[in-house]
Amino acid sequence: MFFLLGGLAAISIWLAIAVFPKRQLKVIACDVGQGDAILITYGSTQILSDGGPNSSVLDCLSENMAFWDRQIELVLISHPQVDHFGGIIDVMERYDVVTLMTTGLKSGSQEYQVLESLVGGSETEVKKVHGGQEYGLGLIHLDILWPTETYILAHSVESNRSLESVLGDHTSNEDPNEFSLVTLITFEDFDILLTGDIGPEVSNIIAEKIKDGRYNDIEVLKVPHHGSKNGMTEKFLDVVSPDMAIISVGKDNRFGHPNKEILEMLVRKGITIYRTDEIGEVVIKLEDN
């Protein structure tokens, strides 16, 4: 009887912990190979920014979410390239996504059509966002910095209701990287800047927005474009001035990411670098004050 009661007590305690997750903000750069997937959790609330190229993101979710939690409150798709949205297909099949944010840029790829079909057949609310908008999720605040509505309209080939679909309402002849959703996520005094695959020109525009805006010091930077040379500029890095930089990148990838010059720039400025190709999943924890 003693061992039975002890076992029941242990089960009760474990269940209490499972039902009331520790109130701790976690930022996880999932190890998804050559792609991006950033998971932010606070209690039973999750934000997933991109999903990597394939189903490997599911391992990250299962490791960092309670097994009984099948709901993700917010999913962001930075731009419609498969190394950023491919894994979202698997996420939509396994989880209930409450809200999905996209810039509205369409893609003609087969994978994108599959994702549109899944989202369209779900109860997920789709928000097409642009720079200047804000979104709150409990104590977590999101500032959308890019792309601006002006940029979207100026660089869209088509933008009309005949094109409108579940995820997108415009196309462009420009590099889709330049339409990447750039989001500053704030929790109390902690900030992380998510940058998708923006290039040097957009990096400099973002630098001006941050410099002239109401933004606090930024603790963590998700380095643009997997550390590509065609990503952030020194001006951008000087303004953002993060304590830590996360590079989400595949080991021995064919693109040569991350670029040596980008790494040297980060080192020169005393920024701690965490790379998924070197250490796998990167986890940053912040206790609630």
C-alpha atoms as a PDB file:
ATOM      1  CA  MET A   1       0.000   0.000   0.000  1.00  0.00           C
ATOM      2  CA  PHE A   2       2.841   2.391   0.808  1.00  0.00           C
ATOM      3  CA  PHE A   3       4.393   2.008  -2.631  1.00  0.00           C
ATOM      4  CA  LEU A   4       1.012   2.404  -4.298  1.00  0.00           C
ATOM      5  CA  LEU A   5       0.302   5.647  -2.436  1.00  0.00           C
ATOM      6  CA  GLY A   6       3.789   6.881  -3.146  1.00  0.00           C
ATOM      7  CA  GLY A   7       3.255   6.207  -6.808  1.00  0.00           C
ATOM      8  CA  LEU A   8      -0.067   7.999  -6.813  1.00  0.00           C
ATOM      9  CA  ALA A   9       1.469  10.991  -5.051  1.00  0.00           C
ATOM     10  CA  ALA A  10       4.244  11.120  -7.618  1.00  0.00           C
ATOM     11  CA  ILE A  11       1.726  10.974 -10.441  1.00  0.00           C
ATOM     12  CA  SER A  12      -0.344  13.761  -8.865  1.00  0.00           C
ATOM     13  CA  ILE A  13       2.693  15.997  -8.472  1.00  0.00           C
ATOM     14  CA  TRP A  14       3.794  15.328 -12.054  1.00  0.00           C
ATOM     15  CA  LEU A  15       0.338  16.119 -13.359  1.00  0.00           C
ATOM     16  CA  ALA A  16       0.273  19.376 -11.405  1.00  0.00           C
ATOM     17  CA  ILE A  17       3.537  20.399 -13.017  1.00  0.00           C
ATOM     18  CA  ALA A  18       2.272  19.421 -16.458  1.00  0.00           C
ATOM     19  CA  VAL A  19      -0.996  21.307 -16.104  1.00  0.00           C
ATOM     20  CA  PHE A  20       0.670  24.450 -14.742  1.00  0.00           C
ATOM     21  CA  PRO A  21       3.841  24.967 -16.813  1.00  0.00           C
ATOM     22  CA  LYS A  22       6.585  27.065 -15.292  1.00  0.00           C
ATOM     23  CA  ARG A  23       6.188  30.730 -16.204  1.00  0.00           C
ATOM     24  CA  GLN A  24       9.435  31.070 -18.062  1.00  0.00           C
ATOM     25  CA  LEU A  25      10.022  32.564 -21.486  1.00  0.00           C
ATOM     26  CA  LYS A  26      12.012  30.294 -23.754  1.00  0.00           C
ATOM     27  CA  VAL A  27      13.416  31.099 -27.177  1.00  0.00           C
ATOM     28  CA  ILE A  28      14.359  27.982 -29.116  1.00  0.00           C
ATOM     29  CA  ALA A  29      16.167  28.027 -32.440  1.00  0.00           C
ATOM     30  CA  CYS A  30      15.116  24.624 -33.718  1.00  0.00           C
ATOM     31  CA  ASP A  31      17.700  22.477 -35.456  1.00  0.00           C
ATOM     32  CA  VAL A  32      15.973  22.082 -38.836  1.00  0.00           C
ATOM     33  CA  GLY A  33      19.023  22.007 -41.080  1.00  0.00           C
ATOM     34  CA  GLN A  34      19.248  24.671 -43.781  1.00  0.00           C
ATOM     35  CA  GLY A  35      16.235  26.762 -42.837  1.00  0.00           C
ATOM     36  CA  ASP A  36      14.631  28.837 -40.109  1.00  0.00           C
ATOM     37  CA  ALA A  37      12.336  27.802 -37.261  1.00  0.00           C
ATOM     38  CA  ILE A  38      12.218  29.846 -34.051  1.00  0.00           C
ATOM     39  CA  LEU A  39       9.894  28.703 -31.272  1.00  0.00           C
ATOM     40  CA  ILE A  40       9.006  31.063 -28.426  1.00  0.00           C
ATOM     41  CA  THR A  41       7.146  29.637 -25.441  1.00  0.00           C
ATOM     42  CA  TYR A  42       5.705  31.150 -22.275  1.00  0.00           C
ATOM     43  CA  GLY A  43       3.709  28.785 -20.131  1.00  0.00           C
ATOM     44  CA  SER A  44       1.265  27.098 -22.490  1.00  0.00           C
ATOM     45  CA  THR A  45       1.545  29.862 -25.115  1.00  0.00           C
ATOM     46  CA  GLN A  46       3.649  29.266 -28.223  1.00  0.00           C
ATOM     47  CA  ILE A  47       4.781  31.412 -31.124  1.00  0.00           C
ATOM     48  CA  LEU A  48       6.456  29.662 -34.061  1.00  0.00           C
ATOM     49  CA  SER A  49       8.322  31.816 -36.560  1.00  0.00           C
ATOM     50  CA  ASP A  50       8.837  29.760 -39.721  1.00  0.00           C
ATOM     51  CA  GLY A  51       9.028  25.983 -39.784  1.00  0.00           C
ATOM     52  CA  GLY A  52      12.163  24.995 -41.653  1.00  0.00           C
ATOM     53  CA  PRO A  53      12.124  22.943 -44.867  1.00  0.00           C
ATOM     54  CA  ASN A  54      10.494  19.733 -43.647  1.00  0.00           C
ATOM     55  CA  SER A  55       8.980  17.759 -40.786  1.00  0.00           C
ATOM     56  CA  SER A  56      12.089  18.024 -38.569  1.00  0.00           C
ATOM     57  CA  VAL A  57      10.429  20.988 -36.837  1.00  0.00           C
ATOM     58  CA  LEU A  58       8.012  18.513 -35.228  1.00  0.00           C
ATOM     59  CA  ASP A  59      10.853  17.087 -33.116  1.00  0.00           C
ATOM     60  CA  CYS A  60      11.543  20.569 -31.777  1.00  0.00           C
ATOM     61  CA  LEU A  61       7.885  21.131 -30.937  1.00  0.00           C
ATOM     62  CA  SER A  62       7.490  17.778 -29.182  1.00  0.00           C
ATOM     63  CA  GLU A  63      10.623  18.417 -27.094  1.00  0.00           C
ATOM     64  CA  ASN A  64       9.574  21.904 -26.022  1.00  0.00           C
ATOM     65  CA  MET A  65       5.798  21.638 -25.653  1.00  0.00           C
ATOM     66  CA  ALA A  66       3.775  19.565 -23.214  1.00  0.00           C
ATOM     67  CA  PHE A  67       2.608  16.335 -24.893  1.00  0.00           C
ATOM     68  CA  TRP A  68      -1.034  17.234 -24.257  1.00  0.00           C
ATOM     69  CA  ASP A  69      -0.736  20.717 -25.772  1.00  0.00           C
ATOM     70  CA  ARG A  70      -1.829  20.416 -29.410  1.00  0.00           C
ATOM     71  CA  GLN A  71      -2.429  24.135 -29.954  1.00  0.00           C
ATOM     72  CA  ILE A  72      -0.018  26.788 -31.215  1.00  0.00           C
ATOM     73  CA  GLU A  73      -1.302  30.289 -30.629  1.00  0.00           C
ATOM     74  CA  LEU A  74       0.617  32.067 -33.384  1.00  0.00           C
ATOM     75  CA  VAL A  75       2.590  31.006 -36.460  1.00  0.00           C
ATOM     76  CA  LEU A  76       4.572  33.515 -38.524  1.00  0.00           C
ATOM     77  CA  ILE A  77       5.643  32.809 -42.100  1.00  0.00           C
ATOM     78  CA  SER A  78       8.413  35.247 -42.939  1.00  0.00           C
ATOM     79  CA  HIS A  79       8.218  34.677 -46.698  1.00  0.00           C
ATOM     80  CA  PRO A  80       7.085  31.950 -49.112  1.00  0.00           C
ATOM     81  CA  GLN A  81      10.318  29.995 -49.626  1.00  0.00           C
ATOM     82  CA  VAL A  82      10.243  26.339 -48.702  1.00  0.00           C
ATOM     83  CA  ASP A  83      13.171  26.466 -46.262  1.00  0.00           C
ATOM     84  CA  HIS A  84      10.979  28.750 -44.157  1.00  0.00           C
ATOM     85  CA  PHE A  85       7.441  27.417 -44.657  1.00  0.00           C
ATOM     86  CA  GLY A  86       7.894  23.761 -45.648  1.00  0.00           C
ATOM     87  CA  GLY A  87       7.664  22.478 -42.085  1.00  0.00           C
ATOM     88  CA  ILE A  88       4.504  24.510 -41.453  1.00  0.00           C
ATOM     89  CA  ILE A  89       2.697  21.972 -43.643  1.00  0.00           C
ATOM     90  CA  ASP A  90       3.487  19.282 -41.079  1.00  0.00           C
ATOM     91  CA  VAL A  91       2.635  21.645 -38.213  1.00  0.00           C
ATOM     92  CA  MET A  92      -0.817  22.296 -39.697  1.00  0.00           C
ATOM     93  CA  GLU A  93      -1.404  18.546 -39.951  1.00  0.00           C
ATOM     94  CA  ARG A  94      -0.433  17.853 -36.326  1.00  0.00           C
ATOM     95  CA  TYR A  95      -1.445  20.972 -34.383  1.00  0.00           C
ATOM     96  CA  ASP A  96      -4.305  23.441 -34.135  1.00  0.00           C
ATOM     97  CA  VAL A  97      -2.918  26.832 -35.165  1.00  0.00           C
ATOM     98  CA  VAL A  98      -5.016  29.696 -33.805  1.00  0.00           C
ATOM     99  CA  THR A  99      -3.532  32.539 -35.865  1.00  0.00           C
ATOM    100  CA  LEU A 100      -1.174  32.593 -38.834  1.00  0.00           C
ATOM    101  CA  MET A 101       0.615  35.762 -39.960  1.00  0.00           C
ATOM    102  CA  THR A 102       1.956  36.335 -43.449  1.00  0.00           C
ATOM    103  CA  THR A 103       2.875  39.356 -45.566  1.00  0.00           C
ATOM    104  CA  GLY A 104       0.439  38.185 -48.252  1.00  0.00           C
ATOM    105  CA  LEU A 105       3.154  37.424 -50.813  1.00  0.00           C
ATOM    106  CA  LYS A 106       2.088  34.445 -52.923  1.00  0.00           C
ATOM    107  CA  SER A 107       4.137  31.572 -54.316  1.00  0.00           C
ATOM    108  CA  GLY A 108       3.357  29.256 -57.193  1.00  0.00           C
ATOM    109  CA  SER A 109       5.230  26.311 -55.699  1.00  0.00           C
ATOM    110  CA  GLN A 110       3.486  22.999 -55.149  1.00  0.00           C
ATOM    111  CA  GLU A 111       4.382  23.060 -51.444  1.00  0.00           C
ATOM    112  CA  TYR A 112       2.774  26.461 -51.062  1.00  0.00           C
ATOM    113  CA  GLN A 113      -0.435  25.207 -52.661  1.00  0.00           C
ATOM    114  CA  VAL A 114      -0.503  22.301 -50.210  1.00  0.00           C
ATOM    115  CA  LEU A 115      -0.070  24.683 -47.295  1.00  0.00           C
ATOM    116  CA  GLU A 116      -2.839  26.960 -48.586  1.00  0.00           C
ATOM    117  CA  SER A 117      -5.181  24.001 -48.848  1.00  0.00           C
ATOM    118  CA  LEU A 118      -4.448  22.915 -45.277  1.00  0.00           C
ATOM    119  CA  VAL A 119      -4.896  26.412 -43.858  1.00  0.00           C
ATOM    120  CA  GLY A 120      -8.063  26.950 -45.881  1.00  0.00           C
ATOM    121  CA  GLY A 121      -9.545  23.739 -44.511  1.00  0.00           C
ATOM    122  CA  SER A 122      -8.748  24.652 -40.915  1.00  0.00           C
ATOM    123  CA  GLU A 123     -10.157  27.125 -38.409  1.00  0.00           C
ATOM    124  CA  THR A 124      -6.897  29.107 -38.389  1.00  0.00           C
ATOM    125  CA  GLU A 125      -7.306  32.877 -38.589  1.00  0.00           C
ATOM    126  CA  VAL A 126      -5.002  34.347 -41.247  1.00  0.00           C
ATOM    127  CA  LYS A 127      -3.658  37.864 -40.736  1.00  0.00           C
ATOM    128  CA  LYS A 128      -1.899  39.590 -43.647  1.00  0.00           C
ATOM    129  CA  VAL A 129       0.330  42.129 -41.944  1.00  0.00           C
ATOM    130  CA  HIS A 130       2.717  44.937 -42.819  1.00  0.00           C
ATOM    131  CA  GLY A 131       5.148  47.268 -41.122  1.00  0.00           C
ATOM    132  CA  GLY A 132       3.713  49.577 -38.478  1.00  0.00           C
ATOM    133  CA  GLN A 133       1.227  47.056 -37.107  1.00  0.00           C
ATOM    134  CA  GLU A 134       1.374  45.608 -33.600  1.00  0.00           C
ATOM    135  CA  TYR A 135       0.042  42.431 -32.043  1.00  0.00           C
ATOM    136  CA  GLY A 136      -0.235  41.319 -28.434  1.00  0.00           C
ATOM    137  CA  LEU A 137      -0.331  37.810 -27.056  1.00  0.00           C
ATOM    138  CA  GLY A 138      -0.585  38.025 -23.291  1.00  0.00           C
ATOM    139  CA  LEU A 139       2.662  39.523 -22.003  1.00  0.00           C
ATOM    140  CA  ILE A 140       4.338  39.066 -25.389  1.00  0.00           C
ATOM    141  CA  HIS A 141       4.262  42.022 -27.768  1.00  0.00           C
ATOM    142  CA  LEU A 142       5.023  41.993 -31.490  1.00  0.00           C
ATOM    143  CA  ASP A 143       6.037  45.020 -33.575  1.00  0.00           C
ATOM    144  CA  ILE A 144       5.940  44.395 -37.318  1.00  0.00           C
ATOM    145  CA  LEU A 145       8.791  46.439 -38.839  1.00  0.00           C
ATOM    146  CA  TRP A 146       8.851  45.162 -42.433  1.00  0.00           C
ATOM    147  CA  PRO A 147       7.658  45.079 -45.169  1.00  0.00           C
ATOM    148  CA  THR A 148       5.790  48.360 -45.171  1.00  0.00           C
ATOM    149  CA  GLU A 149       2.489  48.681 -46.984  1.00  0.00           C
ATOM    150  CA  THR A 150       4.127  51.206 -49.315  1.00  0.00           C
ATOM    151  CA  TYR A 151       6.878  48.745 -50.236  1.00  0.00           C
ATOM    152  CA  ILE A 152       4.371  45.948 -50.867  1.00  0.00           C
ATOM    153  CA  LEU A 153       2.266  48.105 -53.194  1.00  0.00           C
ATOM    154  CA  ALA A 154       5.284  49.546 -55.028  1.00  0.00           C
ATOM    155  CA  HIS A 155       6.904  46.169 -55.695  1.00  0.00           C
ATOM    156  CA  SER A 156       3.859  44.024 -56.421  1.00  0.00           C
ATOM    157  CA  VAL A 157       3.119  42.937 -59.964  1.00  0.00           C
ATOM    158  CA  GLU A 158      -0.479  42.225 -59.049  1.00  0.00           C
ATOM    159  CA  SER A 159      -2.460  43.089 -55.984  1.00  0.00           C
ATOM    160  CA  ASN A 160      -6.175  42.693 -56.438  1.00  0.00           C
ATOM    161  CA  ARG A 161      -9.120  40.651 -55.290  1.00  0.00           C
ATOM    162  CA  SER A 162      -8.889  38.286 -58.269  1.00  0.00           C
ATOM    163  CA  LEU A 163      -5.569  37.060 -56.874  1.00  0.00           C
ATOM    164  CA  GLU A 164      -6.698  36.875 -53.280  1.00  0.00           C
ATOM    165  CA  SER A 165      -6.435  33.482 -51.659  1.00  0.00           C
ATOM    166  CA  VAL A 166      -6.090  32.075 -48.175  1.00  0.00           C
ATOM    167  CA  LEU A 167      -2.473  33.133 -47.634  1.00  0.00           C
ATOM    168  CA  GLY A 168      -1.672  35.689 -50.311  1.00  0.00           C
ATOM    169  CA  ASP A 169      -3.035  38.525 -52.401  1.00  0.00           C
ATOM    170  CA  HIS A 170      -0.018  39.758 -54.370  1.00  0.00           C
ATOM    171  CA  THR A 171       2.960  38.566 -56.420  1.00  0.00           C
ATOM    172  CA  SER A 172       6.229  40.262 -57.279  1.00  0.00           C
ATOM    173  CA  ASN A 173       9.160  39.991 -59.655  1.00  0.00           C
ATOM    174  CA  GLU A 174      11.441  41.044 -56.803  1.00  0.00           C
ATOM    175  CA  ASP A 175      13.428  38.598 -54.686  1.00  0.00           C
ATOM    176  CA  PRO A 176      10.961  37.203 -52.103  1.00  0.00           C
ATOM    177  CA  ASN A 177      13.691  37.579 -49.479  1.00  0.00           C
ATOM    178  CA  GLU A 178      13.158  41.339 -49.578  1.00  0.00           C
ATOM    179  CA  PHE A 179       9.531  40.831 -48.498  1.00  0.00           C
ATOM    180  CA  SER A 180      10.642  38.932 -45.384  1.00  0.00           C
ATOM    181  CA  LEU A 181       8.577  39.629 -42.297  1.00  0.00           C
ATOM    182  CA  VAL A 182      10.774  41.452 -39.774  1.00  0.00           C
ATOM    183  CA  THR A 183       9.330  41.300 -36.276  1.00  0.00           C
ATOM    184  CA  LEU A 184      10.526  42.645 -32.948  1.00  0.00           C
ATOM    185  CA  ILE A 185       9.180  40.443 -30.165  1.00  0.00           C
ATOM    186  CA  THR A 186       9.220  41.904 -26.657  1.00  0.00           C
ATOM    187  CA  PHE A 187       8.670  40.278 -23.279  1.00  0.00           C
ATOM    188  CA  GLU A 188       9.148  42.683 -20.353  1.00  0.00           C
ATOM    189  CA  ASP A 189      12.686  44.050 -20.896  1.00  0.00           C
ATOM    190  CA  PHE A 190      13.721  41.292 -23.298  1.00  0.00           C
ATOM    191  CA  ASP A 191      13.695  41.765 -27.082  1.00  0.00           C
ATOM    192  CA  ILE A 192      14.423  39.419 -29.963  1.00  0.00           C
ATOM    193  CA  LEU A 193      14.552  40.608 -33.572  1.00  0.00           C
ATOM    194  CA  LEU A 194      13.443  38.093 -36.211  1.00  0.00           C
ATOM    195  CA  THR A 195      14.637  38.996 -39.688  1.00  0.00           C
ATOM    196  CA  GLY A 196      13.808  36.260 -42.189  1.00  0.00           C
ATOM    197  CA  ASP A 197      16.100  36.515 -45.216  1.00  0.00           C
ATOM    198  CA  ILE A 198      16.308  40.295 -45.661  1.00  0.00           C
ATOM    199  CA  GLY A 199      19.201  41.652 -47.712  1.00  0.00           C
ATOM    200  CA  PRO A 200      21.574  44.617 -47.205  1.00  0.00           C
ATOM    201  CA  GLU A 201      19.207  47.298 -48.549  1.00  0.00           C
ATOM    202  CA  VAL A 202      16.343  46.282 -46.276  1.00  0.00           C
ATOM    203  CA  SER A 203      18.779  45.796 -43.380  1.00  0.00           C
ATOM    204  CA  ASN A 204      19.752  49.456 -43.646  1.00  0.00           C
ATOM    205  CA  ILE A 205      16.106  50.536 -43.782  1.00  0.00           C
ATOM    206  CA  ILE A 206      15.388  48.493 -40.640  1.00  0.00           C
ATOM    207  CA  ALA A 207      18.402  50.083 -38.954  1.00  0.00           C
ATOM    208  CA  GLU A 208      16.879  53.531 -39.497  1.00  0.00           C
ATOM    209  CA  LYS A 209      13.512  52.383 -38.165  1.00  0.00           C
ATOM    210  CA  ILE A 210      15.085  50.990 -35.001  1.00  0.00           C
ATOM    211  CA  LYS A 211      17.308  54.033 -34.505  1.00  0.00           C
ATOM    212  CA  ASP A 212      14.397  56.453 -34.857  1.00  0.00           C
ATOM    213  CA  GLY A 213      11.802  54.318 -33.084  1.00  0.00           C
ATOM    214  CA  ARG A 214      10.707  53.654 -29.525  1.00  0.00           C
ATOM    215  CA  TYR A 215      12.631  50.403 -29.248  1.00  0.00           C
ATOM    216  CA  ASN A 216      14.708  49.267 -26.278  1.00  0.00           C
ATOM    217  CA  ASP A 217      18.061  47.550 -26.449  1.00  0.00           C
ATOM    218  CA  ILE A 218      17.733  44.297 -28.385  1.00  0.00           C
ATOM    219  CA  GLU A 219      19.146  41.274 -26.594  1.00  0.00           C
ATOM    220  CA  VAL A 220      18.912  38.634 -29.321  1.00  0.00           C
ATOM    221  CA  LEU A 221      19.205  38.886 -33.092  1.00  0.00           C
ATOM    222  CA  LYS A 222      18.201  36.126 -35.480  1.00  0.00           C
ATOM    223  CA  VAL A 223      20.880  36.829 -38.093  1.00  0.00           C
ATOM    224  CA  PRO A 224      19.309  37.445 -41.525  1.00  0.00           C
ATOM    225  CA  HIS A 225      19.530  34.886 -44.318  1.00  0.00           C
ATOM    226  CA  HIS A 226      21.393  32.180 -42.384  1.00  0.00           C
ATOM    227  CA  GLY A 227      24.466  34.374 -42.070  1.00  0.00           C
ATOM    228  CA  SER A 228      24.731  35.020 -45.803  1.00  0.00           C
ATOM    229  CA  LYS A 229      26.938  37.855 -47.027  1.00  0.00           C
ATOM    230  CA  ASN A 230      23.786  39.156 -48.715  1.00  0.00           C
ATOM    231  CA  GLY A 231      22.088  39.755 -45.387  1.00  0.00           C
ATOM    232  CA  MET A 232      22.843  42.260 -42.679  1.00  0.00           C
ATOM    233  CA  THR A 233      25.180  45.232 -42.961  1.00  0.00           C
ATOM    234  CA  GLU A 234      27.561  46.686 -40.414  1.00  0.00           C
ATOM    235  CA  LYS A 235      25.261  49.689 -40.081  1.00  0.00           C
ATOM    236  CA  PHE A 236      22.402  47.358 -39.188  1.00  0.00           C
ATOM    237  CA  LEU A 237      24.485  45.519 -36.617  1.00  0.00           C
ATOM    238  CA  ASP A 238      25.736  48.751 -35.032  1.00  0.00           C
ATOM    239  CA  VAL A 239      22.170  49.967 -34.488  1.00  0.00           C
ATOM    240  CA  VAL A 240      20.697  46.654 -33.318  1.00  0.00           C
ATOM    241  CA  SER A 241      23.760  45.951 -31.135  1.00  0.00           C
ATOM    242  CA  PRO A 242      22.535  42.620 -29.726  1.00  0.00           C
ATOM    243  CA  ASP A 243      24.137  40.686 -26.899  1.00  0.00           C
ATOM    244  CA  MET A 244      23.572  37.387 -28.690  1.00  0.00           C
ATOM    245  CA  ALA A 245      23.200  36.334 -32.321  1.00  0.00           C
ATOM    246  CA  ILE A 246      21.494  33.141 -33.493  1.00  0.00           C
ATOM    247  CA  ILE A 247      22.413  31.726 -36.887  1.00  0.00           C
ATOM    248  CA  SER A 248      19.969  29.088 -38.099  1.00  0.00           C
ATOM    249  CA  VAL A 249      21.861  27.133 -40.724  1.00  0.00           C
ATOM    250  CA  GLY A 250      22.480  23.609 -42.004  1.00  0.00           C
ATOM    251  CA  LYS A 251      25.790  21.857 -41.486  1.00  0.00           C
ATOM    252  CA  ASP A 252      28.031  21.807 -44.591  1.00  0.00           C
ATOM    253  CA  ASN A 253      25.311  23.501 -46.649  1.00  0.00           C
ATOM    254  CA  ARG A 254      25.941  24.102 -50.354  1.00  0.00           C
ATOM    255  CA  PHE A 255      25.583  27.888 -49.996  1.00  0.00           C
ATOM    256  CA  GLY A 256      28.595  28.335 -47.744  1.00  0.00           C
ATOM    257  CA  HIS A 257      26.500  29.874 -44.970  1.00  0.00           C
ATOM    258  CA  PRO A 258      27.393  31.477 -42.651  1.00  0.00           C
ATOM    259  CA  ASN A 259      29.725  33.841 -44.465  1.00  0.00           C
ATOM    260  CA  LYS A 260      33.184  34.385 -42.954  1.00  0.00           C
ATOM    261  CA  GLU A 261      32.868  38.183 -43.119  1.00  0.00           C
ATOM    262  CA  ILE A 262      29.562  38.123 -41.238  1.00  0.00           C
ATOM    263  CA  LEU A 263      31.060  35.924 -38.524  1.00  0.00           C
ATOM    264  CA  GLU A 264      34.090  38.209 -38.213  1.00  0.00           C
ATOM    265  CA  MET A 265      31.803  41.242 -37.948  1.00  0.00           C
ATOM    266  CA  LEU A 266      29.898  39.649 -35.068  1.00  0.00           C
ATOM    267  CA  VAL A 267      33.100  38.622 -33.286  1.00  0.00           C
ATOM    268  CA  ARG A 268      34.643  42.055 -33.742  1.00  0.00           C
ATOM    269  CA  LYS A 269      31.684  43.641 -31.996  1.00  0.00           C
ATOM    270  CA  GLY A 270      31.808  41.206 -29.069  1.00  0.00           C
ATOM    271  CA  ILE A 271      28.492  39.503 -29.862  1.00  0.00           C
ATOM    272  CA  THR A 272      28.069  35.919 -28.678  1.00  0.00           C
ATOM    273  CA  ILE A 273      27.229  33.625 -31.587  1.00  0.00           C
ATOM    274  CA  TYR A 274      25.065  30.496 -31.394  1.00  0.00           C
ATOM    275  CA  ARG A 275      24.883  28.350 -34.537  1.00  0.00           C
ATOM    276  CA  THR A 276      22.493  25.457 -35.053  1.00  0.00           C
ATOM    277  CA  ASP A 277      24.972  23.717 -37.369  1.00  0.00           C
ATOM    278  CA  GLU A 278      27.501  23.586 -34.524  1.00  0.00           C
ATOM    279  CA  ILE A 279      25.462  23.005 -31.373  1.00  0.00           C
ATOM    280  CA  GLY A 280      22.080  21.903 -32.665  1.00  0.00           C
ATOM    281  CA  GLU A 281      19.025  23.349 -30.937  1.00  0.00           C
ATOM    282  CA  VAL A 282      19.704  26.704 -29.252  1.00  0.00           C
ATOM    283  CA  VAL A 283      17.673  27.456 -26.116  1.00  0.00           C
ATOM    284  CA  ILE A 284      17.559  30.810 -24.317  1.00  0.00           C
ATOM    285  CA  LYS A 285      15.592  30.961 -21.045  1.00  0.00           C
ATOM    286  CA  LEU A 286      14.298  34.060 -19.286  1.00  0.00           C
ATOM    287  CA  GLU A 287      12.655  33.914 -15.880  1.00  0.00           C
ATOM    288  CA  ASP A 288       9.466  35.937 -15.318  1.00  0.00           C
ATOM    289  CA  ASN A 289      10.090  38.793 -12.852  1.00  0.00           C
END
